[in-house]
Protein backbone atom coordinates (compact mmCIF):
# COMPACT_ATOMS: atom_id res chain seq x y z
CA MET A 1 43.14 223.56 132.04
CA ASP A 2 44.53 220.32 130.59
CA ALA A 3 45.92 217.12 132.02
CA GLN A 4 48.36 214.30 131.16
CA VAL A 5 48.15 210.83 132.65
CA ARG A 6 51.03 208.31 132.67
CA SER A 7 50.76 204.81 134.04
CA GLU A 8 53.07 201.71 134.45
CA GLU A 9 52.90 198.68 136.44
CA LYS A 10 52.03 199.78 140.01
CA PHE A 11 52.73 203.47 139.17
CA SER A 12 50.31 206.10 138.05
CA LYS A 13 50.77 209.92 137.64
CA ILE A 14 48.53 212.76 136.58
CA SER A 15 49.80 216.20 135.76
CA ILE A 16 47.26 219.04 135.61
CA ALA A 17 48.21 222.38 134.11
CA TYR A 18 46.33 225.42 135.24
CA GLU A 19 46.69 229.22 134.97
CA GLY A 20 46.08 231.79 137.63
CA ARG A 21 45.28 231.73 141.20
CA GLU A 22 41.47 231.15 140.82
CA GLU A 23 42.15 228.03 138.67
CA GLY A 24 44.88 226.92 141.01
CA GLU A 25 42.51 227.19 143.97
CA LEU A 26 39.92 225.12 142.17
CA VAL A 27 42.29 222.40 141.07
CA CYS A 28 43.94 222.15 144.59
CA SER A 29 40.57 222.07 146.43
CA THR A 30 38.98 219.51 143.98
CA ILE A 31 42.14 217.18 144.38
CA ASP A 32 41.99 217.46 148.11
CA LYS A 33 38.35 216.68 148.32
CA ILE A 34 38.55 213.63 145.90
CA THR A 35 41.70 212.17 147.16
CA SER A 36 40.62 212.35 150.85
CA LYS A 37 37.83 209.79 150.07
CA TYR A 38 40.29 207.14 149.19
CA ASP A 39 42.67 205.03 151.41
CA ILE A 40 45.72 205.34 149.15
CA LYS A 41 47.34 208.77 149.21
CA PRO A 42 49.45 210.36 146.47
CA GLU A 43 52.75 212.12 146.48
CA SER A 44 52.08 215.43 144.96
CA TYR A 45 54.09 218.50 144.18
CA THR A 46 53.64 221.77 142.05
CA CYS A 47 55.88 223.12 139.25
CA HIS A 48 56.01 226.62 138.18
CA ILE A 49 55.94 226.84 134.34
CA SER A 50 55.66 230.59 133.66
CA ASP A 51 54.47 233.70 135.33
CA THR A 52 50.83 232.61 135.12
CA LYS A 53 50.90 228.85 134.56
CA ASN A 54 51.68 226.01 136.92
CA VAL A 55 51.34 222.21 137.02
CA VAL A 56 50.26 220.10 139.94
CA VAL A 57 51.40 216.52 139.82
CA LEU A 58 49.88 213.48 141.82
CA GLU A 59 51.88 210.14 141.77
CA TYR A 60 50.75 206.97 143.22
CA HIS A 61 53.37 204.27 143.93
CA ASP A 62 52.70 200.63 144.73
CA ASP A 63 49.16 201.02 143.21
CA VAL A 64 48.60 197.31 143.04
CA GLU A 65 44.78 197.58 142.95
CA ARG A 66 45.01 200.23 140.16
CA GLU A 67 42.82 202.62 142.29
CA ALA A 68 44.46 205.61 140.78
CA GLY A 69 42.59 205.39 137.44
CA ALA A 70 39.32 205.86 139.15
CA ILE A 71 40.70 208.76 141.26
CA PHE A 72 42.17 210.44 138.04
CA GLU A 73 38.91 209.92 136.13
CA GLU A 74 36.91 211.57 138.95
CA ILE A 75 39.28 214.59 139.12
CA ILE A 76 39.19 215.06 135.32
CA LYS A 77 35.35 214.86 135.23
CA THR A 78 34.93 217.11 138.24
CA LEU A 79 37.28 219.76 136.72
CA ASN A 80 35.68 219.46 133.15
CA ILE A 81 39.12 218.83 131.64
CA GLU A 82 38.58 218.20 127.99
CA ILE A 83 42.26 217.83 126.93
CA CYS A 84 43.96 214.84 128.47
CA ASP A 85 46.82 213.06 126.89
């Protein structure tokens, strides 16, 4: 599992690559659990990379208070992601 974070003024995005159904369920349940604690809600979608690998993407638009950074950090820590660009 690895992640990539991109951020601009009022916009933040995290992409988390995972492999297999078990990892996918862990990633999605973790994201749901963490994002439900916050008032701002992301746009999200999943991309199919290969037969076994997928990427889930969370995007926050109009994030004036920069809350997404704390959310992303919590997701990364909870999932024990060591590789994050």
